[in-house]
PDB file of N, CA and C in Angstrom:
ATOM      1  N   MET A   1      25.843  50.680  26.724  1.00  0.00           N
ATOM      2  CA  MET A   1      26.423  50.302  25.462  1.00  0.00           C
ATOM      3  C   MET A   1      26.208  51.422  24.449  1.00  0.00           C
ATOM      4  N   SER A   2      27.181  51.576  23.615  1.00  0.00           N
ATOM      5  CA  SER A   2      27.060  52.595  22.591  1.00  0.00           C
ATOM      6  C   SER A   2      26.266  52.064  21.408  1.00  0.00           C
ATOM      7  N   GLN A   3      25.909  52.968  20.518  1.00  0.00           N
ATOM      8  CA  GLN A   3      25.107  52.589  19.352  1.00  0.00           C
ATOM      9  C   GLN A   3      25.906  51.680  18.408  1.00  0.00           C
ATOM     10  N   ALA A   4      27.202  51.875  18.331  1.00  0.00           N
ATOM     11  CA  ALA A   4      28.033  51.051  17.454  1.00  0.00           C
ATOM     12  C   ALA A   4      28.071  49.599  17.935  1.00  0.00           C
ATOM     13  N   GLU A   5      28.064  49.403  19.262  1.00  0.00           N
ATOM     14  CA  GLU A   5      28.093  48.045  19.801  1.00  0.00           C
ATOM     15  C   GLU A   5      26.773  47.318  19.564  1.00  0.00           C
ATOM     16  N   THR A   6      25.655  48.029  19.668  1.00  0.00           N
ATOM     17  CA  THR A   6      24.368  47.372  19.468  1.00  0.00           C
ATOM     18  C   THR A   6      24.102  47.085  18.002  1.00  0.00           C
ATOM     19  N   GLU A   7      24.646  47.888  17.093  1.00  0.00           N
ATOM     20  CA  GLU A   7      24.452  47.657  15.667  1.00  0.00           C
ATOM     21  C   GLU A   7      25.318  46.517  15.146  1.00  0.00           C
ATOM     22  N   SER A   8      26.448  46.255  15.785  1.00  0.00           N
ATOM     23  CA  SER A   8      27.342  45.218  15.287  1.00  0.00           C
ATOM     24  C   SER A   8      26.896  43.817  15.695  1.00  0.00           C
ATOM     25  N   ARG A   9      26.034  43.700  16.675  1.00  0.00           N
ATOM     26  CA  ARG A   9      25.562  42.386  17.094  1.00  0.00           C
ATOM     27  C   ARG A   9      24.588  41.810  16.074  1.00  0.00           C
ATOM     28  N   PRO A  10      24.773  40.568  15.708  1.00  0.00           N
ATOM     29  CA  PRO A  10      23.795  39.953  14.809  1.00  0.00           C
ATOM     30  C   PRO A  10      22.512  39.614  15.572  1.00  0.00           C
ATOM     31  N   ARG A  11      21.390  39.838  14.923  1.00  0.00           N
ATOM     32  CA  ARG A  11      20.121  39.509  15.550  1.00  0.00           C
ATOM     33  C   ARG A  11      19.874  38.014  15.416  1.00  0.00           C
ATOM     34  N   PRO A  12      19.328  37.385  16.470  1.00  0.00           N
ATOM     35  CA  PRO A  12      19.027  35.960  16.353  1.00  0.00           C
ATOM     36  C   PRO A  12      17.944  35.736  15.304  1.00  0.00           C
ATOM     37  N   ARG A  13      18.114  34.706  14.519  1.00  0.00           N
ATOM     38  CA  ARG A  13      17.216  34.395  13.427  1.00  0.00           C
ATOM     39  C   ARG A  13      16.809  32.939  13.514  1.00  0.00           C
ATOM     40  N   PHE A  14      15.546  32.664  13.244  1.00  0.00           N
ATOM     41  CA  PHE A  14      15.080  31.281  13.249  1.00  0.00           C
ATOM     42  C   PHE A  14      15.475  30.609  11.944  1.00  0.00           C
ATOM     43  N   THR A  15      16.130  29.471  12.051  1.00  0.00           N
ATOM     44  CA  THR A  15      16.518  28.723  10.861  1.00  0.00           C
ATOM     45  C   THR A  15      16.521  27.239  11.179  1.00  0.00           C
ATOM     46  N   LEU A  16      16.172  26.444  10.190  1.00  0.00           N
ATOM     47  CA  LEU A  16      16.255  24.996  10.340  1.00  0.00           C
ATOM     48  C   LEU A  16      17.608  24.465   9.902  1.00  0.00           C
ATOM     49  N   ASN A  17      18.402  25.301   9.239  1.00  0.00           N
ATOM     50  CA  ASN A  17      19.699  24.889   8.701  1.00  0.00           C
ATOM     51  C   ASN A  17      20.808  25.379   9.616  1.00  0.00           C
ATOM     52  N   THR A  18      21.006  24.718  10.729  1.00  0.00           N
ATOM     53  CA  THR A  18      22.006  25.159  11.690  1.00  0.00           C
ATOM     54  C   THR A  18      23.421  24.764  11.289  1.00  0.00           C
ATOM     55  N   ASN A  19      23.562  23.957  10.247  1.00  0.00           N
ATOM     56  CA  ASN A  19      24.899  23.554   9.807  1.00  0.00           C
ATOM     57  C   ASN A  19      25.472  24.481   8.740  1.00  0.00           C
ATOM     58  N   GLY A  20      24.711  25.495   8.326  1.00  0.00           N
ATOM     59  CA  GLY A  20      25.197  26.459   7.359  1.00  0.00           C
ATOM     60  C   GLY A  20      24.941  26.106   5.912  1.00  0.00           C
ATOM     61  N   GLN A  21      24.428  24.928   5.638  1.00  0.00           N
ATOM     62  CA  GLN A  21      24.119  24.533   4.262  1.00  0.00           C
ATOM     63  C   GLN A  21      22.657  24.828   3.981  1.00  0.00           C
ATOM     64  N   HIS A  22      22.388  25.283   2.772  1.00  0.00           N
ATOM     65  CA  HIS A  22      21.016  25.576   2.383  1.00  0.00           C
ATOM     66  C   HIS A  22      20.361  24.302   1.864  1.00  0.00           C
ATOM     67  N   GLN A  23      19.331  23.863   2.557  1.00  0.00           N
ATOM     68  CA  GLN A  23      18.587  22.668   2.178  1.00  0.00           C
ATOM     69  C   GLN A  23      17.116  23.044   2.087  1.00  0.00           C
ATOM     70  N   LEU A  24      16.772  23.752   1.041  1.00  0.00           N
ATOM     71  CA  LEU A  24      15.426  24.279   0.896  1.00  0.00           C
ATOM     72  C   LEU A  24      14.388  23.170   0.783  1.00  0.00           C
ATOM     73  N   GLY A  25      14.704  22.106   0.057  1.00  0.00           N
ATOM     74  CA  GLY A  25      13.743  21.014  -0.120  1.00  0.00           C
ATOM     75  C   GLY A  25      13.412  20.311   1.180  1.00  0.00           C
ATOM     76  N   VAL A  26      14.420  20.041   1.986  1.00  0.00           N
ATOM     77  CA  VAL A  26      14.197  19.353   3.257  1.00  0.00           C
ATOM     78  C   VAL A  26      13.475  20.275   4.236  1.00  0.00           C
ATOM     79  N   SER A  27      13.833  21.547   4.233  1.00  0.00           N
ATOM     80  CA  SER A  27      13.153  22.496   5.123  1.00  0.00           C
ATOM     81  C   SER A  27      11.689  22.673   4.730  1.00  0.00           C
ATOM     82  N   ALA A  28      11.418  22.716   3.437  1.00  0.00           N
ATOM     83  CA  ALA A  28      10.033  22.821   2.971  1.00  0.00           C
ATOM     84  C   ALA A  28       9.245  21.569   3.318  1.00  0.00           C
ATOM     85  N   ALA A  29       9.872  20.406   3.168  1.00  0.00           N
ATOM     86  CA  ALA A  29       9.197  19.154   3.518  1.00  0.00           C
ATOM     87  C   ALA A  29       8.949  19.072   5.017  1.00  0.00           C
ATOM     88  N   ALA A  30       9.868  19.583   5.827  1.00  0.00           N
ATOM     89  CA  ALA A  30       9.673  19.602   7.270  1.00  0.00           C
ATOM     90  C   ALA A  30       8.499  20.503   7.646  1.00  0.00           C
ATOM     91  N   GLY A  31       8.437  21.675   7.016  1.00  0.00           N
ATOM     92  CA  GLY A  31       7.320  22.582   7.277  1.00  0.00           C
ATOM     93  C   GLY A  31       5.998  22.006   6.824  1.00  0.00           C
ATOM     94  N   TYR A  32       5.999  21.357   5.665  1.00  0.00           N
ATOM     95  CA  TYR A  32       4.761  20.752   5.165  1.00  0.00           C
ATOM     96  C   TYR A  32       4.297  19.629   6.083  1.00  0.00           C
ATOM     97  N   SER A  33       5.221  18.776   6.511  1.00  0.00           N
ATOM     98  CA  SER A  33       4.810  17.662   7.357  1.00  0.00           C
ATOM     99  C   SER A  33       4.265  18.153   8.698  1.00  0.00           C
ATOM    100  N   LEU A  34       4.828  19.231   9.223  1.00  0.00           N
ATOM    101  CA  LEU A  34       4.330  19.755  10.494  1.00  0.00           C
ATOM    102  C   LEU A  34       2.961  20.403  10.327  1.00  0.00           C
ATOM    103  N   VAL A  35       2.816  21.281   9.347  1.00  0.00           N
ATOM    104  CA  VAL A  35       1.543  21.982   9.154  1.00  0.00           C
ATOM    105  C   VAL A  35       0.441  21.019   8.713  1.00  0.00           C
ATOM    106  N   ALA A  36       0.752  20.172   7.725  1.00  0.00           N
ATOM    107  CA  ALA A  36      -0.253  19.230   7.241  1.00  0.00           C
ATOM    108  C   ALA A  36      -0.604  18.196   8.304  1.00  0.00           C
ATOM    109  N   GLY A  37       0.353  17.823   9.139  1.00  0.00           N
ATOM    110  CA  GLY A  37       0.067  16.887  10.226  1.00  0.00           C
ATOM    111  C   GLY A  37      -0.889  17.460  11.247  1.00  0.00           C
ATOM    112  N   VAL A  38      -0.682  18.713  11.617  1.00  0.00           N
ATOM    113  CA  VAL A  38      -1.587  19.356  12.573  1.00  0.00           C
ATOM    114  C   VAL A  38      -2.978  19.535  11.959  1.00  0.00           C
ATOM    115  N   VAL A  39      -3.028  19.948  10.695  1.00  0.00           N
ATOM    116  CA  VAL A  39      -4.323  20.128  10.019  1.00  0.00           C
ATOM    117  C   VAL A  39      -5.047  18.791   9.885  1.00  0.00           C
ATOM    118  N   SER A  40      -4.318  17.726   9.555  1.00  0.00           N
ATOM    119  CA  SER A  40      -4.972  16.420   9.424  1.00  0.00           C
ATOM    120  C   SER A  40      -5.471  15.905  10.766  1.00  0.00           C
ATOM    121  N   THR A  41      -4.787  16.242  11.846  1.00  0.00           N
ATOM    122  CA  THR A  41      -5.274  15.852  13.173  1.00  0.00           C
ATOM    123  C   THR A  41      -6.579  16.568  13.490  1.00  0.00           C
ATOM    124  N   VAL A  42      -6.643  17.849  13.194  1.00  0.00           N
ATOM    125  CA  VAL A  42      -7.880  18.604  13.446  1.00  0.00           C
ATOM    126  C   VAL A  42      -9.006  18.082  12.561  1.00  0.00           C
ATOM    127  N   LEU A  43      -8.711  17.840  11.273  1.00  0.00           N
ATOM    128  CA  LEU A  43      -9.740  17.330  10.375  1.00  0.00           C
ATOM    129  C   LEU A  43     -10.126  15.893  10.713  1.00  0.00           C
ATOM    130  N   GLY A  44      -9.193  15.121  11.245  1.00  0.00           N
ATOM    131  CA  GLY A  44      -9.504  13.757  11.655  1.00  0.00           C
ATOM    132  C   GLY A  44     -10.456  13.693  12.818  1.00  0.00           C
ATOM    133  N   LEU A  45     -10.461  14.737  13.636  1.00  0.00           N
ATOM    134  CA  LEU A  45     -11.402  14.797  14.754  1.00  0.00           C
ATOM    135  C   LEU A  45     -12.828  15.042  14.286  1.00  0.00           C
ATOM    136  N   LEU A  46     -12.980  15.658  13.124  1.00  0.00           N
ATOM    137  CA  LEU A  46     -14.302  15.937  12.580  1.00  0.00           C
ATOM    138  C   LEU A  46     -14.735  14.763  11.706  1.00  0.00           C
ATOM    139  N   SER A  47     -15.848  14.170  12.019  1.00  0.00           N
ATOM    140  CA  SER A  47     -16.260  12.993  11.254  1.00  0.00           C
ATOM    141  C   SER A  47     -16.757  13.349   9.855  1.00  0.00           C
ATOM    142  N   VAL A  48     -17.092  14.621   9.594  1.00  0.00           N
ATOM    143  CA  VAL A  48     -17.545  15.005   8.258  1.00  0.00           C
ATOM    144  C   VAL A  48     -16.372  15.238   7.307  1.00  0.00           C
ATOM    145  N   ALA A  49     -15.160  15.419   7.818  1.00  0.00           N
ATOM    146  CA  ALA A  49     -13.985  15.705   6.986  1.00  0.00           C
ATOM    147  C   ALA A  49     -12.988  14.558   7.027  1.00  0.00           C
ATOM    148  N   HIS A  50     -13.463  13.334   7.176  1.00  0.00           N
ATOM    149  CA  HIS A  50     -12.551  12.206   7.337  1.00  0.00           C
ATOM    150  C   HIS A  50     -11.759  11.891   6.074  1.00  0.00           C
ATOM    151  N   ILE A  51     -12.315  12.148   4.900  1.00  0.00           N
ATOM    152  CA  ILE A  51     -11.590  11.856   3.658  1.00  0.00           C
ATOM    153  C   ILE A  51     -10.402  12.805   3.499  1.00  0.00           C
ATOM    154  N   VAL A  52     -10.643  14.082   3.725  1.00  0.00           N
ATOM    155  CA  VAL A  52      -9.568  15.075   3.609  1.00  0.00           C
ATOM    156  C   VAL A  52      -8.515  14.847   4.693  1.00  0.00           C
ATOM    157  N   GLY A  53      -8.957  14.559   5.906  1.00  0.00           N
ATOM    158  CA  GLY A  53      -8.018  14.304   6.999  1.00  0.00           C
ATOM    159  C   GLY A  53      -7.160  13.083   6.759  1.00  0.00           C
ATOM    160  N   SER A  54      -7.760  12.021   6.232  1.00  0.00           N
ATOM    161  CA  SER A  54      -7.001  10.798   5.935  1.00  0.00           C
ATOM    162  C   SER A  54      -5.991  11.036   4.820  1.00  0.00           C
ATOM    163  N   THR A  55      -6.426  11.692   3.752  1.00  0.00           N
ATOM    164  CA  THR A  55      -5.533  11.944   2.619  1.00  0.00           C
ATOM    165  C   THR A  55      -4.384  12.865   3.001  1.00  0.00           C
ATOM    166  N   LEU A  56      -4.694  13.918   3.720  1.00  0.00           N
ATOM    167  CA  LEU A  56      -3.656  14.844   4.166  1.00  0.00           C
ATOM    168  C   LEU A  56      -2.700  14.158   5.141  1.00  0.00           C
ATOM    169  N   GLY A  57      -3.228  13.315   6.006  1.00  0.00           N
ATOM    170  CA  GLY A  57      -2.381  12.580   6.947  1.00  0.00           C
ATOM    171  C   GLY A  57      -1.426  11.633   6.256  1.00  0.00           C
ATOM    172  N   VAL A  58      -1.920  10.911   5.239  1.00  0.00           N
ATOM    173  CA  VAL A  58      -1.053   9.986   4.502  1.00  0.00           C
ATOM    174  C   VAL A  58       0.041  10.748   3.757  1.00  0.00           C
ATOM    175  N   SER A  59      -0.319  11.847   3.110  1.00  0.00           N
ATOM    176  CA  SER A  59       0.689  12.605   2.355  1.00  0.00           C
ATOM    177  C   SER A  59       1.724  13.226   3.293  1.00  0.00           C
ATOM    178  N   ALA A  60       1.282  13.781   4.414  1.00  0.00           N
ATOM    179  CA  ALA A  60       2.230  14.369   5.366  1.00  0.00           C
ATOM    180  C   ALA A  60       3.119  13.297   5.982  1.00  0.00           C
ATOM    181  N   PHE A  61       2.559  12.125   6.228  1.00  0.00           N
ATOM    182  CA  PHE A  61       3.332  11.019   6.796  1.00  0.00           C
ATOM    183  C   PHE A  61       4.431  10.576   5.829  1.00  0.00           C
ATOM    184  N   LEU A  62       4.081  10.385   4.558  1.00  0.00           N
ATOM    185  CA  LEU A  62       5.062   9.916   3.574  1.00  0.00           C
ATOM    186  C   LEU A  62       6.125  10.975   3.276  1.00  0.00           C
ATOM    187  N   ILE A  63       5.705  12.231   3.132  1.00  0.00           N
ATOM    188  CA  ILE A  63       6.680  13.303   2.895  1.00  0.00           C
ATOM    189  C   ILE A  63       7.573  13.491   4.119  1.00  0.00           C
ATOM    190  N   GLY A  64       6.996  13.347   5.294  1.00  0.00           N
ATOM    191  CA  GLY A  64       7.790  13.437   6.516  1.00  0.00           C
ATOM    192  C   GLY A  64       8.818  12.325   6.629  1.00  0.00           C
ATOM    193  N   LEU A  65       8.453  11.114   6.212  1.00  0.00           N
ATOM    194  CA  LEU A  65       9.424  10.017   6.237  1.00  0.00           C
ATOM    195  C   LEU A  65      10.580  10.278   5.276  1.00  0.00           C
ATOM    196  N   TRP A  66      10.265  10.809   4.082  1.00  0.00           N
ATOM    197  CA  TRP A  66      11.343  11.146   3.146  1.00  0.00           C
ATOM    198  C   TRP A  66      12.233  12.239   3.726  1.00  0.00           C
ATOM    199  N   ALA A  67      11.618  13.258   4.314  1.00  0.00           N
ATOM    200  CA  ALA A  67      12.392  14.367   4.874  1.00  0.00           C
ATOM    201  C   ALA A  67      13.261  13.893   6.035  1.00  0.00           C
ATOM    202  N   GLN A  68      12.779  12.933   6.800  1.00  0.00           N
ATOM    203  CA  GLN A  68      13.564  12.397   7.913  1.00  0.00           C
ATOM    204  C   GLN A  68      14.825  11.705   7.394  1.00  0.00           C
ATOM    205  N   MET A  69      14.704  10.998   6.291  1.00  0.00           N
ATOM    206  CA  MET A  69      15.881  10.332   5.726  1.00  0.00           C
ATOM    207  C   MET A  69      16.865  11.341   5.142  1.00  0.00           C
ATOM    208  N   ALA A  70      16.372  12.453   4.610  1.00  0.00           N
ATOM    209  CA  ALA A  70      17.241  13.423   3.942  1.00  0.00           C
ATOM    210  C   ALA A  70      17.747  14.521   4.874  1.00  0.00           C
ATOM    211  N   SER A  71      17.212  14.631   6.076  1.00  0.00           N
ATOM    212  CA  SER A  71      17.581  15.748   6.957  1.00  0.00           C
ATOM    213  C   SER A  71      18.989  15.559   7.516  1.00  0.00           C
ATOM    214  N   SER A  72      19.588  16.688   7.885  1.00  0.00           N
ATOM    215  CA  SER A  72      20.948  16.623   8.410  1.00  0.00           C
ATOM    216  C   SER A  72      21.139  17.412   9.702  1.00  0.00           C
ATOM    217  N   THR A  73      20.119  18.092  10.177  1.00  0.00           N
ATOM    218  CA  THR A  73      20.265  18.840  11.425  1.00  0.00           C
ATOM    219  C   THR A  73      19.233  18.373  12.446  1.00  0.00           C
ATOM    220  N   THR A  74      19.541  18.586  13.687  1.00  0.00           N
ATOM    221  CA  THR A  74      18.652  18.172  14.770  1.00  0.00           C
ATOM    222  C   THR A  74      17.365  18.989  14.783  1.00  0.00           C
ATOM    223  N   VAL A  75      17.449  20.251  14.443  1.00  0.00           N
ATOM    224  CA  VAL A  75      16.265  21.106  14.433  1.00  0.00           C
ATOM    225  C   VAL A  75      15.275  20.615  13.374  1.00  0.00           C
ATOM    226  N   GLN A  76      15.773  20.266  12.205  1.00  0.00           N
ATOM    227  CA  GLN A  76      14.905  19.726  11.161  1.00  0.00           C
ATOM    228  C   GLN A  76      14.243  18.442  11.633  1.00  0.00           C
ATOM    229  N   ARG A  77      15.006  17.572  12.241  1.00  0.00           N
ATOM    230  CA  ARG A  77      14.470  16.290  12.680  1.00  0.00           C
ATOM    231  C   ARG A  77      13.408  16.464  13.757  1.00  0.00           C
ATOM    232  N   CYS A  78      13.573  17.454  14.621  1.00  0.00           N
ATOM    233  CA  CYS A  78      12.574  17.714  15.658  1.00  0.00           C
ATOM    234  C   CYS A  78      11.240  18.119  15.036  1.00  0.00           C
ATOM    235  N   PHE A  79      11.283  19.018  14.070  1.00  0.00           N
ATOM    236  CA  PHE A  79      10.065  19.438  13.376  1.00  0.00           C
ATOM    237  C   PHE A  79       9.449  18.281  12.599  1.00  0.00           C
ATOM    238  N   ILE A  80      10.284  17.492  11.947  1.00  0.00           N
ATOM    239  CA  ILE A  80       9.794  16.399  11.112  1.00  0.00           C
ATOM    240  C   ILE A  80       9.114  15.327  11.954  1.00  0.00           C
ATOM    241  N   VAL A  81       9.723  14.944  13.062  1.00  0.00           N
ATOM    242  CA  VAL A  81       9.131  13.902  13.915  1.00  0.00           C
ATOM    243  C   VAL A  81       7.820  14.377  14.516  1.00  0.00           C
ATOM    244  N   THR A  82       7.738  15.650  14.887  1.00  0.00           N
ATOM    245  CA  THR A  82       6.478  16.194  15.384  1.00  0.00           C
ATOM    246  C   THR A  82       5.410  16.145  14.300  1.00  0.00           C
ATOM    247  N   GLY A  83       5.775  16.497  13.081  1.00  0.00           N
ATOM    248  CA  GLY A  83       4.831  16.447  11.969  1.00  0.00           C
ATOM    249  C   GLY A  83       4.408  15.034  11.623  1.00  0.00           C
ATOM    250  N   ILE A  84       5.345  14.089  11.641  1.00  0.00           N
ATOM    251  CA  ILE A  84       5.016  12.692  11.350  1.00  0.00           C
ATOM    252  C   ILE A  84       4.047  12.150  12.401  1.00  0.00           C
ATOM    253  N   THR A  85       4.294  12.472  13.655  1.00  0.00           N
ATOM    254  CA  THR A  85       3.416  12.000  14.726  1.00  0.00           C
ATOM    255  C   THR A  85       2.014  12.582  14.578  1.00  0.00           C
ATOM    256  N   ALA A  86       1.920  13.874  14.316  1.00  0.00           N
ATOM    257  CA  ALA A  86       0.608  14.507  14.129  1.00  0.00           C
ATOM    258  C   ALA A  86      -0.099  13.941  12.903  1.00  0.00           C
ATOM    259  N   ALA A  87       0.653  13.679  11.837  1.00  0.00           N
ATOM    260  CA  ALA A  87       0.054  13.107  10.625  1.00  0.00           C
ATOM    261  C   ALA A  87      -0.462  11.703  10.882  1.00  0.00           C
ATOM    262  N   PHE A  88       0.273  10.929  11.656  1.00  0.00           N
ATOM    263  CA  PHE A  88      -0.157   9.571  11.974  1.00  0.00           C
ATOM    264  C   PHE A  88      -1.441   9.587  12.801  1.00  0.00           C
ATOM    265  N   VAL A  89      -1.511  10.489  13.763  1.00  0.00           N
ATOM    266  CA  VAL A  89      -2.720  10.602  14.581  1.00  0.00           C
ATOM    267  C   VAL A  89      -3.900  11.055  13.725  1.00  0.00           C
ATOM    268  N   GLY A  90      -3.694  12.054  12.870  1.00  0.00           N
ATOM    269  CA  GLY A  90      -4.760  12.528  11.990  1.00  0.00           C
ATOM    270  C   GLY A  90      -5.214  11.473  11.001  1.00  0.00           C
ATOM    271  N   MET A  91      -4.233  10.716  10.466  1.00  0.00           N
ATOM    272  CA  MET A  91      -4.559   9.635   9.540  1.00  0.00           C
ATOM    273  C   MET A  91      -5.368   8.554  10.266  1.00  0.00           C
ATOM    274  N   GLY A  92      -4.971   8.207  11.462  1.00  0.00           N
ATOM    275  CA  GLY A  92      -5.698   7.205  12.229  1.00  0.00           C
ATOM    276  C   GLY A  92      -7.091   7.640  12.599  1.00  0.00           C
ATOM    277  N   LEU A  93      -7.249   8.888  12.991  1.00  0.00           N
ATOM    278  CA  LEU A  93      -8.591   9.394  13.309  1.00  0.00           C
ATOM    279  C   LEU A  93      -9.476   9.458  12.077  1.00  0.00           C
ATOM    280  N   GLY A  94      -8.895   9.863  10.949  1.00  0.00           N
ATOM    281  CA  GLY A  94      -9.667   9.919   9.706  1.00  0.00           C
ATOM    282  C   GLY A  94     -10.113   8.543   9.258  1.00  0.00           C
ATOM    283  N   ILE A  95      -9.232   7.572   9.386  1.00  0.00           N
ATOM    284  CA  ILE A  95      -9.582   6.205   9.004  1.00  0.00           C
ATOM    285  C   ILE A  95     -10.646   5.638   9.965  1.00  0.00           C
ATOM    286  N   ALA A  96     -10.525   5.979  11.247  1.00  0.00           N
ATOM    287  CA  ALA A  96     -11.516   5.493  12.216  1.00  0.00           C
ATOM    288  C   ALA A  96     -12.898   6.090  11.981  1.00  0.00           C
ATOM    289  N   HIS A  97     -12.954   7.284  11.412  1.00  0.00           N
ATOM    290  CA  HIS A  97     -14.250   7.917  11.139  1.00  0.00           C
ATOM    291  C   HIS A  97     -14.802   7.581   9.762  1.00  0.00           C
ATOM    292  N   GLY A  98     -14.143   6.723   9.021  1.00  0.00           N
ATOM    293  CA  GLY A  98     -14.705   6.325   7.729  1.00  0.00           C
ATOM    294  C   GLY A  98     -13.683   6.152   6.632  1.00  0.00           C
ATOM    295  N   GLY A  99     -12.457   6.565   6.876  1.00  0.00           N
ATOM    296  CA  GLY A  99     -11.383   6.342   5.921  1.00  0.00           C
ATOM    297  C   GLY A  99     -11.506   7.129   4.636  1.00  0.00           C
ATOM    298  N   PHE A 100     -11.206   6.474   3.538  1.00  0.00           N
ATOM    299  CA  PHE A 100     -11.142   7.121   2.234  1.00  0.00           C
ATOM    300  C   PHE A 100     -12.448   7.023   1.440  1.00  0.00           C
ATOM    301  N   GLY A 101     -13.431   6.391   1.994  1.00  0.00           N
ATOM    302  CA  GLY A 101     -14.657   6.203   1.211  1.00  0.00           C
ATOM    303  C   GLY A 101     -15.905   6.702   1.826  1.00  0.00           C
TER     304      GLY A 101
END
């Protein structure tokens, strides 16, 4: 292949907006629910951090539910459901280790 052919090809890019519309709020909520869900699961496993794990799990769960209702692409929904599940597990572990008090 010549240099002109390789330069004209678009490079693959990771995006949650596969429909071409910019949905920054939903994408940010999807990222938050995934990251906060994983962090709350890890903190829920530690019995000394049960308050932070429970609080983070509840917030990620609620934001994830809102993002699920507002999402419009399958990629967003995949990230959101993974985050909601991780947040639920982290919230449950945090509550089992002592909850909010």
